[in-house]
């Protein structure tokens, strides 16, 4: 019966041709665990959509009911605490895997000609994923999320020219309130998912047009040493890593479930607001006593919160056009490798100091 259904559909939409395009993609250098990042990110996004939809059945995006509905999900809905915790940890996993993937692309020199546009579209995906983290943080509507978002929107206010407009748009009023929650909810569950699907589709299309760069020459296996297709070798490796990631997120959701604080209130609070861990390095940059001579005062806040991230992003955008050397071997690109090490170490050190500062 299934064969008849398959042949009936195949006659109408040419399934075999689609299957050939999807599964018979040549893999430069053969199947590798180093190629799993795209599939892992797709899996995490699908699971974020699934868990997000499940949460939306019970979540009420209004200032009067957001906190109560979140509490209801965690305490009354069967396995609601797990779904919510999985969704939150899944967001963290998506950021981590995306940064690892972009680091790989950078270190392998895969942003170079003819893959400049693929790199630029990947940067857009990074911004969208960060936007998910920023907008989703407010939705539980507790004190932690409220005050962290308040600080985040105040930083947006400092953006030159458009900052005041963006801040007023996000808040929907003089202070964060019902309109803020409503707008963050719409951005989080409608605008950003649609944007991610469109940009990710473009990213895959461009990637398939130019083909995978593969590891740099001089790696353990030369690119031409072995020719394999996506199926079955790479599919097997993707499935293995996807299962490991799924188990890891489930374990984190079980052993470190989300903790809901008191309901959000605009009244003065002695709570020290903090963003999600992947924004902690930037937050610590502004408040670290060792760096106060650079980032204190209004100008210092502008320098740390706006100028440095903007310059860094601009450098990433310009990277394929600045680095025109076709050389991709790590050992022959000491400046590029050193820059990556400095940036990663800075982020790690600032994040660790932020955690120590909290304790």
C-alpha atoms as a PDB file:
ATOM      1  CA  UNK A   1       0.000   0.000   0.000  1.00  0.00           C
ATOM      2  CA  UNK A   2       2.769   2.424   0.916  1.00  0.00           C
ATOM      3  CA  UNK A   3       4.546   1.655  -2.359  1.00  0.00           C
ATOM      4  CA  UNK A   4       1.411   2.564  -4.296  1.00  0.00           C
ATOM      5  CA  UNK A   5       1.040   5.824  -2.377  1.00  0.00           C
ATOM      6  CA  UNK A   6       4.725   6.636  -2.957  1.00  0.00           C
ATOM      7  CA  UNK A   7       4.490   5.975  -6.697  1.00  0.00           C
ATOM      8  CA  UNK A   8       1.241   7.977  -6.943  1.00  0.00           C
ATOM      9  CA  UNK A   9       2.902  10.983  -5.311  1.00  0.00           C
ATOM     10  CA  UNK A  10       6.140  10.453  -7.250  1.00  0.00           C
ATOM     11  CA  UNK A  11       4.299  10.633 -10.573  1.00  0.00           C
ATOM     12  CA  UNK A  12       2.910  14.031  -9.636  1.00  0.00           C
ATOM     13  CA  UNK A  13       5.740  15.857  -7.843  1.00  0.00           C
ATOM     14  CA  UNK A  14       8.824  13.818  -8.842  1.00  0.00           C
ATOM     15  CA  UNK A  15       9.828  12.659  -5.352  1.00  0.00           C
ATOM     16  CA  UNK A  16      12.847  10.767  -6.678  1.00  0.00           C
ATOM     17  CA  UNK A  17      14.362  13.949  -8.081  1.00  0.00           C
ATOM     18  CA  UNK A  18      13.805  15.758  -4.760  1.00  0.00           C
ATOM     19  CA  UNK A  19      15.270  12.795  -2.862  1.00  0.00           C
ATOM     20  CA  UNK A  20      18.304  12.835  -5.120  1.00  0.00           C
ATOM     21  CA  UNK A  21      18.915  16.545  -4.477  1.00  0.00           C
ATOM     22  CA  UNK A  22      18.516  16.189  -0.712  1.00  0.00           C
ATOM     23  CA  UNK A  23      20.382  12.955  -0.055  1.00  0.00           C
ATOM     24  CA  UNK A  24      22.961  12.720  -2.832  1.00  0.00           C
ATOM     25  CA  UNK A  25      24.854  15.918  -2.073  1.00  0.00           C
ATOM     26  CA  UNK A  26      28.630  15.350  -2.421  1.00  0.00           C
ATOM     27  CA  UNK A  27      30.463  15.766   0.894  1.00  0.00           C
ATOM     28  CA  UNK A  28      33.908  17.317   0.530  1.00  0.00           C
ATOM     29  CA  UNK A  29      36.388  14.991   2.225  1.00  0.00           C
ATOM     30  CA  UNK A  30      33.678  12.483   3.104  1.00  0.00           C
ATOM     31  CA  UNK A  31      31.162  12.379   5.941  1.00  0.00           C
ATOM     32  CA  UNK A  32      32.399  14.057   9.134  1.00  0.00           C
ATOM     33  CA  UNK A  33      31.103  14.890  12.573  1.00  0.00           C
ATOM     34  CA  UNK A  34      32.377  18.402  11.827  1.00  0.00           C
ATOM     35  CA  UNK A  35      29.487  18.797   9.365  1.00  0.00           C
ATOM     36  CA  UNK A  36      26.656  18.191  11.844  1.00  0.00           C
ATOM     37  CA  UNK A  37      26.024  21.766  12.995  1.00  0.00           C
ATOM     38  CA  UNK A  38      23.404  22.628  10.386  1.00  0.00           C
ATOM     39  CA  UNK A  39      21.310  19.550  11.127  1.00  0.00           C
ATOM     40  CA  UNK A  40      21.616  20.080  14.886  1.00  0.00           C
ATOM     41  CA  UNK A  41      20.459  23.694  14.577  1.00  0.00           C
ATOM     42  CA  UNK A  42      17.502  22.632  12.447  1.00  0.00           C
ATOM     43  CA  UNK A  43      16.521  20.009  15.017  1.00  0.00           C
ATOM     44  CA  UNK A  44      16.769  22.482  17.918  1.00  0.00           C
ATOM     45  CA  UNK A  45      14.648  25.023  16.047  1.00  0.00           C
ATOM     46  CA  UNK A  46      11.965  22.436  15.262  1.00  0.00           C
ATOM     47  CA  UNK A  47      11.872  21.415  18.932  1.00  0.00           C
ATOM     48  CA  UNK A  48      11.649  25.077  19.953  1.00  0.00           C
ATOM     49  CA  UNK A  49       8.630  25.459  17.673  1.00  0.00           C
ATOM     50  CA  UNK A  50       7.004  22.305  19.056  1.00  0.00           C
ATOM     51  CA  UNK A  51       7.572  23.187  22.720  1.00  0.00           C
ATOM     52  CA  UNK A  52       6.635  26.812  22.055  1.00  0.00           C
ATOM     53  CA  UNK A  53       3.294  25.777  20.558  1.00  0.00           C
ATOM     54  CA  UNK A  54       2.616  23.515  23.536  1.00  0.00           C
ATOM     55  CA  UNK A  55       3.304  26.405  25.910  1.00  0.00           C
ATOM     56  CA  UNK A  56       1.050  28.754  23.937  1.00  0.00           C
ATOM     57  CA  UNK A  57      -1.948  26.509  24.660  1.00  0.00           C
ATOM     58  CA  UNK A  58      -1.733  27.645  28.284  1.00  0.00           C
ATOM     59  CA  UNK A  59       0.229  30.900  28.258  1.00  0.00           C
ATOM     60  CA  UNK A  60      -1.677  34.210  28.424  1.00  0.00           C
ATOM     61  CA  UNK A  61       0.412  37.130  27.050  1.00  0.00           C
ATOM     62  CA  UNK A  62      -1.133  39.852  29.219  1.00  0.00           C
ATOM     63  CA  UNK A  63       0.340  41.670  32.187  1.00  0.00           C
ATOM     64  CA  UNK A  64      -2.529  40.466  34.386  1.00  0.00           C
ATOM     65  CA  UNK A  65      -2.184  36.775  33.542  1.00  0.00           C
ATOM     66  CA  UNK A  66       1.302  36.080  32.117  1.00  0.00           C
ATOM     67  CA  UNK A  67       2.881  35.257  35.465  1.00  0.00           C
ATOM     68  CA  UNK A  68      -0.133  33.276  36.670  1.00  0.00           C
ATOM     69  CA  UNK A  69      -0.275  31.270  33.439  1.00  0.00           C
ATOM     70  CA  UNK A  70       3.452  30.539  33.645  1.00  0.00           C
ATOM     71  CA  UNK A  71       3.000  29.371  37.229  1.00  0.00           C
ATOM     72  CA  UNK A  72       0.039  27.239  36.131  1.00  0.00           C
ATOM     73  CA  UNK A  73       2.154  25.629  33.386  1.00  0.00           C
ATOM     74  CA  UNK A  74       4.888  24.799  35.869  1.00  0.00           C
ATOM     75  CA  UNK A  75       2.717  23.542  38.713  1.00  0.00           C
ATOM     76  CA  UNK A  76      -0.575  22.291  37.267  1.00  0.00           C
ATOM     77  CA  UNK A  77      -0.028  21.189  33.669  1.00  0.00           C
ATOM     78  CA  UNK A  78       1.284  17.647  33.426  1.00  0.00           C
ATOM     79  CA  UNK A  79       4.968  17.838  32.467  1.00  0.00           C
ATOM     80  CA  UNK A  80       4.470  21.562  31.920  1.00  0.00           C
ATOM     81  CA  UNK A  81       7.585  22.333  33.976  1.00  0.00           C
ATOM     82  CA  UNK A  82       9.594  20.037  31.712  1.00  0.00           C
ATOM     83  CA  UNK A  83       8.298  21.552  28.458  1.00  0.00           C
ATOM     84  CA  UNK A  84       8.993  25.085  29.710  1.00  0.00           C
ATOM     85  CA  UNK A  85      12.456  24.169  30.995  1.00  0.00           C
ATOM     86  CA  UNK A  86      13.265  22.302  27.759  1.00  0.00           C
ATOM     87  CA  UNK A  87      12.230  25.376  25.757  1.00  0.00           C
ATOM     88  CA  UNK A  88      14.490  27.646  27.812  1.00  0.00           C
ATOM     89  CA  UNK A  89      17.468  25.302  27.714  1.00  0.00           C
ATOM     90  CA  UNK A  90      16.843  24.720  24.005  1.00  0.00           C
ATOM     91  CA  UNK A  91      17.285  28.439  23.409  1.00  0.00           C
ATOM     92  CA  UNK A  92      20.648  28.312  25.178  1.00  0.00           C
ATOM     93  CA  UNK A  93      21.673  25.264  23.160  1.00  0.00           C
ATOM     94  CA  UNK A  94      20.757  27.008  19.927  1.00  0.00           C
ATOM     95  CA  UNK A  95      22.959  30.001  20.775  1.00  0.00           C
ATOM     96  CA  UNK A  96      25.867  27.757  21.770  1.00  0.00           C
ATOM     97  CA  UNK A  97      25.692  25.541  18.664  1.00  0.00           C
ATOM     98  CA  UNK A  98      25.322  28.568  16.379  1.00  0.00           C
ATOM     99  CA  UNK A  99      28.410  30.232  17.870  1.00  0.00           C
ATOM    100  CA  UNK A 100      30.329  26.952  17.496  1.00  0.00           C
ATOM    101  CA  UNK A 101      29.202  26.690  13.875  1.00  0.00           C
ATOM    102  CA  UNK A 102      30.231  30.258  13.038  1.00  0.00           C
ATOM    103  CA  UNK A 103      33.564  29.726  14.807  1.00  0.00           C
ATOM    104  CA  UNK A 104      34.140  26.681  12.622  1.00  0.00           C
ATOM    105  CA  UNK A 105      33.310  28.649   9.468  1.00  0.00           C
ATOM    106  CA  UNK A 106      35.669  31.413  10.568  1.00  0.00           C
ATOM    107  CA  UNK A 107      38.568  29.116  11.490  1.00  0.00           C
ATOM    108  CA  UNK A 108      38.189  27.062   8.305  1.00  0.00           C
ATOM    109  CA  UNK A 109      38.116  30.254   6.232  1.00  0.00           C
ATOM    110  CA  UNK A 110      34.816  29.143   4.725  1.00  0.00           C
ATOM    111  CA  UNK A 111      33.596  32.767   4.558  1.00  0.00           C
ATOM    112  CA  UNK A 112      35.964  33.502   1.676  1.00  0.00           C
ATOM    113  CA  UNK A 113      35.152  33.697  -2.032  1.00  0.00           C
ATOM    114  CA  UNK A 114      32.704  32.460  -3.306  1.00  0.00           C
ATOM    115  CA  UNK A 115      30.862  32.102   0.043  1.00  0.00           C
ATOM    116  CA  UNK A 116      30.700  35.733   1.171  1.00  0.00           C
ATOM    117  CA  UNK A 117      26.916  35.947   0.885  1.00  0.00           C
ATOM    118  CA  UNK A 118      26.461  32.684   2.813  1.00  0.00           C
ATOM    119  CA  UNK A 119      28.507  34.220   5.654  1.00  0.00           C
ATOM    120  CA  UNK A 120      26.459  37.446   5.648  1.00  0.00           C
ATOM    121  CA  UNK A 121      23.179  35.536   5.764  1.00  0.00           C
ATOM    122  CA  UNK A 122      24.601  33.479   8.646  1.00  0.00           C
ATOM    123  CA  UNK A 123      25.236  36.711  10.562  1.00  0.00           C
ATOM    124  CA  UNK A 124      21.572  37.625  10.092  1.00  0.00           C
ATOM    125  CA  UNK A 125      20.618  34.251  11.581  1.00  0.00           C
ATOM    126  CA  UNK A 126      22.850  34.979  14.590  1.00  0.00           C
ATOM    127  CA  UNK A 127      21.076  38.294  15.184  1.00  0.00           C
ATOM    128  CA  UNK A 128      17.649  36.645  14.904  1.00  0.00           C
ATOM    129  CA  UNK A 129      18.606  33.938  17.406  1.00  0.00           C
ATOM    130  CA  UNK A 130      19.861  36.597  19.826  1.00  0.00           C
ATOM    131  CA  UNK A 131      16.562  38.405  19.299  1.00  0.00           C
ATOM    132  CA  UNK A 132      14.736  35.236  20.345  1.00  0.00           C
ATOM    133  CA  UNK A 133      16.697  35.203  23.585  1.00  0.00           C
ATOM    134  CA  UNK A 134      16.067  38.864  24.328  1.00  0.00           C
ATOM    135  CA  UNK A 135      12.324  38.844  23.624  1.00  0.00           C
ATOM    136  CA  UNK A 136      11.617  35.462  25.199  1.00  0.00           C
ATOM    137  CA  UNK A 137      13.284  36.387  28.479  1.00  0.00           C
ATOM    138  CA  UNK A 138      10.436  38.753  29.401  1.00  0.00           C
ATOM    139  CA  UNK A 139       7.554  36.338  28.804  1.00  0.00           C
ATOM    140  CA  UNK A 140       7.478  34.603  32.249  1.00  0.00           C
ATOM    141  CA  UNK A 141       6.778  38.111  33.596  1.00  0.00           C
ATOM    142  CA  UNK A 142       8.603  37.679  36.902  1.00  0.00           C
ATOM    143  CA  UNK A 143      10.892  40.167  38.638  1.00  0.00           C
ATOM    144  CA  UNK A 144      14.056  38.798  37.047  1.00  0.00           C
ATOM    145  CA  UNK A 145      12.751  39.017  33.482  1.00  0.00           C
ATOM    146  CA  UNK A 146      11.039  42.382  34.033  1.00  0.00           C
ATOM    147  CA  UNK A 147      14.066  44.232  35.378  1.00  0.00           C
ATOM    148  CA  UNK A 148      16.531  42.594  33.000  1.00  0.00           C
ATOM    149  CA  UNK A 149      14.339  43.675  30.083  1.00  0.00           C
ATOM    150  CA  UNK A 150      14.061  47.169  31.561  1.00  0.00           C
ATOM    151  CA  UNK A 151      17.852  47.437  31.533  1.00  0.00           C
ATOM    152  CA  UNK A 152      18.015  45.964  28.028  1.00  0.00           C
ATOM    153  CA  UNK A 153      15.545  48.475  26.610  1.00  0.00           C
ATOM    154  CA  UNK A 154      17.438  51.317  28.329  1.00  0.00           C
ATOM    155  CA  UNK A 155      20.520  50.168  26.432  1.00  0.00           C
ATOM    156  CA  UNK A 156      18.535  50.203  23.176  1.00  0.00           C
ATOM    157  CA  UNK A 157      17.626  53.834  23.987  1.00  0.00           C
ATOM    158  CA  UNK A 158      21.298  54.755  23.644  1.00  0.00           C
ATOM    159  CA  UNK A 159      21.516  53.738  19.978  1.00  0.00           C
ATOM    160  CA  UNK A 160      22.224  56.909  17.947  1.00  0.00           C
ATOM    161  CA  UNK A 161      19.414  58.415  15.863  1.00  0.00           C
ATOM    162  CA  UNK A 162      16.925  55.515  16.069  1.00  0.00           C
ATOM    163  CA  UNK A 163      17.461  54.529  19.707  1.00  0.00           C
ATOM    164  CA  UNK A 164      14.709  56.706  21.145  1.00  0.00           C
ATOM    165  CA  UNK A 165      12.200  55.411  18.619  1.00  0.00           C
ATOM    166  CA  UNK A 166      13.193  51.771  19.177  1.00  0.00           C
ATOM    167  CA  UNK A 167      13.003  52.159  22.957  1.00  0.00           C
ATOM    168  CA  UNK A 168       9.541  53.735  22.849  1.00  0.00           C
ATOM    169  CA  UNK A 169       8.359  51.101  20.367  1.00  0.00           C
ATOM    170  CA  UNK A 170       9.537  48.196  22.501  1.00  0.00           C
ATOM    171  CA  UNK A 171       8.160  49.641  25.738  1.00  0.00           C
ATOM    172  CA  UNK A 172       4.908  50.886  24.263  1.00  0.00           C
ATOM    173  CA  UNK A 173       4.872  53.525  26.996  1.00  0.00           C
ATOM    174  CA  UNK A 174       6.975  55.427  29.493  1.00  0.00           C
ATOM    175  CA  UNK A 175       7.883  52.281  31.444  1.00  0.00           C
ATOM    176  CA  UNK A 176       7.716  48.570  30.601  1.00  0.00           C
ATOM    177  CA  UNK A 177       4.196  47.260  31.080  1.00  0.00           C
ATOM    178  CA  UNK A 178       1.341  45.505  29.324  1.00  0.00           C
ATOM    179  CA  UNK A 179       2.243  46.893  25.896  1.00  0.00           C
ATOM    180  CA  UNK A 180       5.860  45.793  26.318  1.00  0.00           C
ATOM    181  CA  UNK A 181       4.829  42.231  27.079  1.00  0.00           C
ATOM    182  CA  UNK A 182       2.386  42.177  24.159  1.00  0.00           C
ATOM    183  CA  UNK A 183       4.968  43.466  21.696  1.00  0.00           C
ATOM    184  CA  UNK A 184       7.699  41.141  22.878  1.00  0.00           C
ATOM    185  CA  UNK A 185       5.285  38.212  22.578  1.00  0.00           C
ATOM    186  CA  UNK A 186       4.353  39.100  18.981  1.00  0.00           C
ATOM    187  CA  UNK A 187       7.996  39.571  18.024  1.00  0.00           C
ATOM    188  CA  UNK A 188       8.974  36.299  19.721  1.00  0.00           C
ATOM    189  CA  UNK A 189       6.256  33.987  18.371  1.00  0.00           C
ATOM    190  CA  UNK A 190       5.479  35.542  14.977  1.00  0.00           C
ATOM    191  CA  UNK A 191       8.005  37.990  13.540  1.00  0.00           C
ATOM    192  CA  UNK A 192      11.246  36.261  14.533  1.00  0.00           C
ATOM    193  CA  UNK A 193      10.121  32.693  13.612  1.00  0.00           C
ATOM    194  CA  UNK A 194       8.976  33.876  10.178  1.00  0.00           C
ATOM    195  CA  UNK A 195      12.234  35.765   9.743  1.00  0.00           C
ATOM    196  CA  UNK A 196      14.279  32.762  10.829  1.00  0.00           C
ATOM    197  CA  UNK A 197      12.478  30.400   8.454  1.00  0.00           C
ATOM    198  CA  UNK A 198      12.965  32.802   5.528  1.00  0.00           C
ATOM    199  CA  UNK A 199      16.616  33.587   6.247  1.00  0.00           C
ATOM    200  CA  UNK A 200      17.476  29.953   7.065  1.00  0.00           C
ATOM    201  CA  UNK A 201      15.862  28.878   3.790  1.00  0.00           C
ATOM    202  CA  UNK A 202      17.952  31.458   1.932  1.00  0.00           C
ATOM    203  CA  UNK A 203      21.052  30.285   3.801  1.00  0.00           C
ATOM    204  CA  UNK A 204      20.485  26.651   2.774  1.00  0.00           C
ATOM    205  CA  UNK A 205      19.722  27.673  -0.825  1.00  0.00           C
ATOM    206  CA  UNK A 206      22.933  29.683  -1.111  1.00  0.00           C
ATOM    207  CA  UNK A 207      24.909  26.933   0.604  1.00  0.00           C
ATOM    208  CA  UNK A 208      23.656  24.350  -1.886  1.00  0.00           C
ATOM    209  CA  UNK A 209      24.464  26.686  -4.786  1.00  0.00           C
ATOM    210  CA  UNK A 210      28.121  27.250  -3.853  1.00  0.00           C
ATOM    211  CA  UNK A 211      28.628  23.880  -2.135  1.00  0.00           C
ATOM    212  CA  UNK A 212      30.334  23.064   1.161  1.00  0.00           C
ATOM    213  CA  UNK A 213      33.808  24.490   1.615  1.00  0.00           C
ATOM    214  CA  UNK A 214      35.023  21.492   3.581  1.00  0.00           C
ATOM    215  CA  UNK A 215      38.103  21.597   5.797  1.00  0.00           C
ATOM    216  CA  UNK A 216      41.138  23.585   4.711  1.00  0.00           C
ATOM    217  CA  UNK A 217      43.842  21.903   2.666  1.00  0.00           C
ATOM    218  CA  UNK A 218      46.362  20.140   4.827  1.00  0.00           C
ATOM    219  CA  UNK A 219      43.707  18.680   7.130  1.00  0.00           C
ATOM    220  CA  UNK A 220      43.984  15.003   8.053  1.00  0.00           C
ATOM    221  CA  UNK A 221      41.970  13.967   5.007  1.00  0.00           C
ATOM    222  CA  UNK A 222      42.367  15.916   1.793  1.00  0.00           C
ATOM    223  CA  UNK A 223      39.121  17.047   0.214  1.00  0.00           C
ATOM    224  CA  UNK A 224      39.624  14.814  -2.809  1.00  0.00           C
ATOM    225  CA  UNK A 225      40.781  11.792  -0.843  1.00  0.00           C
ATOM    226  CA  UNK A 226      37.306  10.392  -0.473  1.00  0.00           C
ATOM    227  CA  UNK A 227      34.006  11.256  -2.095  1.00  0.00           C
ATOM    228  CA  UNK A 228      30.838  10.454  -0.169  1.00  0.00           C
ATOM    229  CA  UNK A 229      27.247  11.553  -0.432  1.00  0.00           C
ATOM    230  CA  UNK A 230      25.095  13.012   2.324  1.00  0.00           C
ATOM    231  CA  UNK A 231      23.259   9.687   2.688  1.00  0.00           C
ATOM    232  CA  UNK A 232      23.961   7.386   4.461  1.00  0.00           C
ATOM    233  CA  UNK A 233      27.241   8.360   6.164  1.00  0.00           C
ATOM    234  CA  UNK A 234      26.508  11.981   7.048  1.00  0.00           C
ATOM    235  CA  UNK A 235      22.882  11.232   7.926  1.00  0.00           C
ATOM    236  CA  UNK A 236      24.068   8.651  10.466  1.00  0.00           C
ATOM    237  CA  UNK A 237      26.516  11.099  12.051  1.00  0.00           C
ATOM    238  CA  UNK A 238      23.851  13.823  12.170  1.00  0.00           C
ATOM    239  CA  UNK A 239      21.390  11.483  13.905  1.00  0.00           C
ATOM    240  CA  UNK A 240      23.967  10.473  16.520  1.00  0.00           C
ATOM    241  CA  UNK A 241      24.789  14.065  17.474  1.00  0.00           C
ATOM    242  CA  UNK A 242      21.141  15.154  17.349  1.00  0.00           C
ATOM    243  CA  UNK A 243      20.240  12.393  19.811  1.00  0.00           C
ATOM    244  CA  UNK A 244      23.093  13.415  22.118  1.00  0.00           C
ATOM    245  CA  UNK A 245      21.964  17.052  22.023  1.00  0.00           C
ATOM    246  CA  UNK A 246      18.371  16.019  22.718  1.00  0.00           C
ATOM    247  CA  UNK A 247      19.421  13.928  25.718  1.00  0.00           C
ATOM    248  CA  UNK A 248      21.620  16.765  27.021  1.00  0.00           C
ATOM    249  CA  UNK A 249      18.790  19.322  26.828  1.00  0.00           C
ATOM    250  CA  UNK A 250      16.374  16.897  28.496  1.00  0.00           C
ATOM    251  CA  UNK A 251      18.896  16.267  31.288  1.00  0.00           C
ATOM    252  CA  UNK A 252      19.348  20.008  31.860  1.00  0.00           C
ATOM    253  CA  UNK A 253      15.569  20.514  31.896  1.00  0.00           C
ATOM    254  CA  UNK A 254      15.173  17.759  34.498  1.00  0.00           C
ATOM    255  CA  UNK A 255      18.099  18.571  36.776  1.00  0.00           C
ATOM    256  CA  UNK A 256      17.959  22.360  36.456  1.00  0.00           C
ATOM    257  CA  UNK A 257      14.316  23.325  35.803  1.00  0.00           C
ATOM    258  CA  UNK A 258      13.274  26.932  35.420  1.00  0.00           C
ATOM    259  CA  UNK A 259      12.737  28.835  38.672  1.00  0.00           C
ATOM    260  CA  UNK A 260       9.937  31.401  38.630  1.00  0.00           C
ATOM    261  CA  UNK A 261      10.436  34.447  40.877  1.00  0.00           C
ATOM    262  CA  UNK A 262       7.777  36.830  42.201  1.00  0.00           C
ATOM    263  CA  UNK A 263       5.433  38.505  39.739  1.00  0.00           C
ATOM    264  CA  UNK A 264       6.838  41.459  37.802  1.00  0.00           C
ATOM    265  CA  UNK A 265       6.288  44.850  39.361  1.00  0.00           C
ATOM    266  CA  UNK A 266       7.426  48.356  38.356  1.00  0.00           C
ATOM    267  CA  UNK A 267       7.974  49.143  42.028  1.00  0.00           C
ATOM    268  CA  UNK A 268      11.576  49.601  43.102  1.00  0.00           C
ATOM    269  CA  UNK A 269      13.313  46.273  43.591  1.00  0.00           C
ATOM    270  CA  UNK A 270      16.555  45.278  45.297  1.00  0.00           C
ATOM    271  CA  UNK A 271      16.954  42.484  42.720  1.00  0.00           C
ATOM    272  CA  UNK A 272      20.158  42.759  40.685  1.00  0.00           C
ATOM    273  CA  UNK A 273      18.852  42.329  37.116  1.00  0.00           C
ATOM    274  CA  UNK A 274      20.798  39.994  34.850  1.00  0.00           C
ATOM    275  CA  UNK A 275      20.195  38.825  31.275  1.00  0.00           C
ATOM    276  CA  UNK A 276      20.497  35.270  29.993  1.00  0.00           C
ATOM    277  CA  UNK A 277      23.988  33.766  30.277  1.00  0.00           C
ATOM    278  CA  UNK A 278      24.853  34.442  26.622  1.00  0.00           C
ATOM    279  CA  UNK A 279      24.472  38.192  27.251  1.00  0.00           C
ATOM    280  CA  UNK A 280      26.325  38.122  30.571  1.00  0.00           C
ATOM    281  CA  UNK A 281      29.720  39.010  29.087  1.00  0.00           C
ATOM    282  CA  UNK A 282      28.345  42.266  27.696  1.00  0.00           C
ATOM    283  CA  UNK A 283      26.536  42.996  30.956  1.00  0.00           C
ATOM    284  CA  UNK A 284      29.730  42.387  32.944  1.00  0.00           C
ATOM    285  CA  UNK A 285      31.673  44.652  30.611  1.00  0.00           C
ATOM    286  CA  UNK A 286      29.570  47.569  31.873  1.00  0.00           C
ATOM    287  CA  UNK A 287      29.688  46.804  35.586  1.00  0.00           C
ATOM    288  CA  UNK A 288      33.066  45.124  36.186  1.00  0.00           C
ATOM    289  CA  UNK A 289      35.026  47.181  38.747  1.00  0.00           C
ATOM    290  CA  UNK A 290      38.275  46.461  36.896  1.00  0.00           C
ATOM    291  CA  UNK A 291      36.867  48.153  33.787  1.00  0.00           C
ATOM    292  CA  UNK A 292      35.025  51.034  35.459  1.00  0.00           C
ATOM    293  CA  UNK A 293      37.607  53.548  34.230  1.00  0.00           C
ATOM    294  CA  UNK A 294      36.527  52.756  30.664  1.00  0.00           C
ATOM    295  CA  UNK A 295      32.803  52.119  30.937  1.00  0.00           C
ATOM    296  CA  UNK A 296      31.551  54.361  33.739  1.00  0.00           C
ATOM    297  CA  UNK A 297      29.162  57.232  33.105  1.00  0.00           C
ATOM    298  CA  UNK A 298      26.900  57.847  30.140  1.00  0.00           C
ATOM    299  CA  UNK A 299      29.730  57.860  27.592  1.00  0.00           C
ATOM    300  CA  UNK A 300      31.192  54.660  29.038  1.00  0.00           C
ATOM    301  CA  UNK A 301      27.823  52.901  28.836  1.00  0.00           C
ATOM    302  CA  UNK A 302      27.475  53.976  25.218  1.00  0.00           C
ATOM    303  CA  UNK A 303      30.995  52.718  24.464  1.00  0.00           C
ATOM    304  CA  UNK A 304      30.453  49.301  26.083  1.00  0.00           C
ATOM    305  CA  UNK A 305      26.818  48.647  25.192  1.00  0.00           C
ATOM    306  CA  UNK A 306      26.579  50.168  21.715  1.00  0.00           C
ATOM    307  CA  UNK A 307      29.900  51.172  20.153  1.00  0.00           C
ATOM    308  CA  UNK A 308      31.958  48.025  20.794  1.00  0.00           C
ATOM    309  CA  UNK A 309      29.221  45.522  19.743  1.00  0.00           C
ATOM    310  CA  UNK A 310      28.464  47.625  16.638  1.00  0.00           C
ATOM    311  CA  UNK A 311      32.109  47.805  15.597  1.00  0.00           C
ATOM    312  CA  UNK A 312      32.514  44.076  16.216  1.00  0.00           C
ATOM    313  CA  UNK A 313      29.464  43.256  14.087  1.00  0.00           C
ATOM    314  CA  UNK A 314      30.684  45.620  11.356  1.00  0.00           C
ATOM    315  CA  UNK A 315      34.033  43.814  11.308  1.00  0.00           C
ATOM    316  CA  UNK A 316      32.252  40.468  10.930  1.00  0.00           C
ATOM    317  CA  UNK A 317      30.230  41.874   8.019  1.00  0.00           C
ATOM    318  CA  UNK A 318      33.355  43.278   6.358  1.00  0.00           C
ATOM    319  CA  UNK A 319      35.493  40.187   7.061  1.00  0.00           C
ATOM    320  CA  UNK A 320      35.057  38.388   3.687  1.00  0.00           C
ATOM    321  CA  UNK A 321      35.914  41.616   1.854  1.00  0.00           C
ATOM    322  CA  UNK A 322      38.903  42.517   4.039  1.00  0.00           C
ATOM    323  CA  UNK A 323      40.431  39.033   4.070  1.00  0.00           C
ATOM    324  CA  UNK A 324      40.874  38.348   0.340  1.00  0.00           C
ATOM    325  CA  UNK A 325      43.741  35.897   0.805  1.00  0.00           C
ATOM    326  CA  UNK A 326      42.497  32.500  -0.470  1.00  0.00           C
ATOM    327  CA  UNK A 327      44.661  30.703   2.103  1.00  0.00           C
ATOM    328  CA  UNK A 328      42.522  28.725   4.576  1.00  0.00           C
ATOM    329  CA  UNK A 329      45.124  26.724   6.496  1.00  0.00           C
ATOM    330  CA  UNK A 330      44.977  27.620  10.206  1.00  0.00           C
ATOM    331  CA  UNK A 331      48.747  27.433  10.586  1.00  0.00           C
ATOM    332  CA  UNK A 332      49.175  30.042   7.869  1.00  0.00           C
ATOM    333  CA  UNK A 333      46.612  32.488   9.299  1.00  0.00           C
ATOM    334  CA  UNK A 334      48.086  33.477  12.690  1.00  0.00           C
ATOM    335  CA  UNK A 335      46.347  36.868  12.869  1.00  0.00           C
ATOM    336  CA  UNK A 336      42.895  35.401  12.224  1.00  0.00           C
ATOM    337  CA  UNK A 337      43.406  32.600  14.747  1.00  0.00           C
ATOM    338  CA  UNK A 338      44.828  34.979  17.375  1.00  0.00           C
ATOM    339  CA  UNK A 339      41.850  37.315  16.952  1.00  0.00           C
ATOM    340  CA  UNK A 340      39.432  34.445  17.492  1.00  0.00           C
ATOM    341  CA  UNK A 341      41.302  33.287  20.615  1.00  0.00           C
ATOM    342  CA  UNK A 342      41.296  36.809  22.091  1.00  0.00           C
ATOM    343  CA  UNK A 343      37.551  37.295  21.464  1.00  0.00           C
ATOM    344  CA  UNK A 344      36.583  33.872  22.845  1.00  0.00           C
ATOM    345  CA  UNK A 345      38.803  34.232  25.922  1.00  0.00           C
ATOM    346  CA  UNK A 346      37.374  37.692  26.605  1.00  0.00           C
ATOM    347  CA  UNK A 347      33.818  36.383  26.438  1.00  0.00           C
ATOM    348  CA  UNK A 348      34.618  33.394  28.674  1.00  0.00           C
ATOM    349  CA  UNK A 349      36.489  35.492  31.269  1.00  0.00           C
ATOM    350  CA  UNK A 350      33.755  38.143  31.417  1.00  0.00           C
ATOM    351  CA  UNK A 351      31.056  35.471  31.734  1.00  0.00           C
ATOM    352  CA  UNK A 352      32.922  33.741  34.567  1.00  0.00           C
ATOM    353  CA  UNK A 353      33.434  37.065  36.340  1.00  0.00           C
ATOM    354  CA  UNK A 354      29.709  37.820  35.948  1.00  0.00           C
ATOM    355  CA  UNK A 355      28.878  34.518  37.675  1.00  0.00           C
ATOM    356  CA  UNK A 356      31.397  35.212  40.448  1.00  0.00           C
ATOM    357  CA  UNK A 357      30.050  38.740  40.812  1.00  0.00           C
ATOM    358  CA  UNK A 358      26.556  37.269  41.322  1.00  0.00           C
ATOM    359  CA  UNK A 359      27.791  34.945  44.052  1.00  0.00           C
END
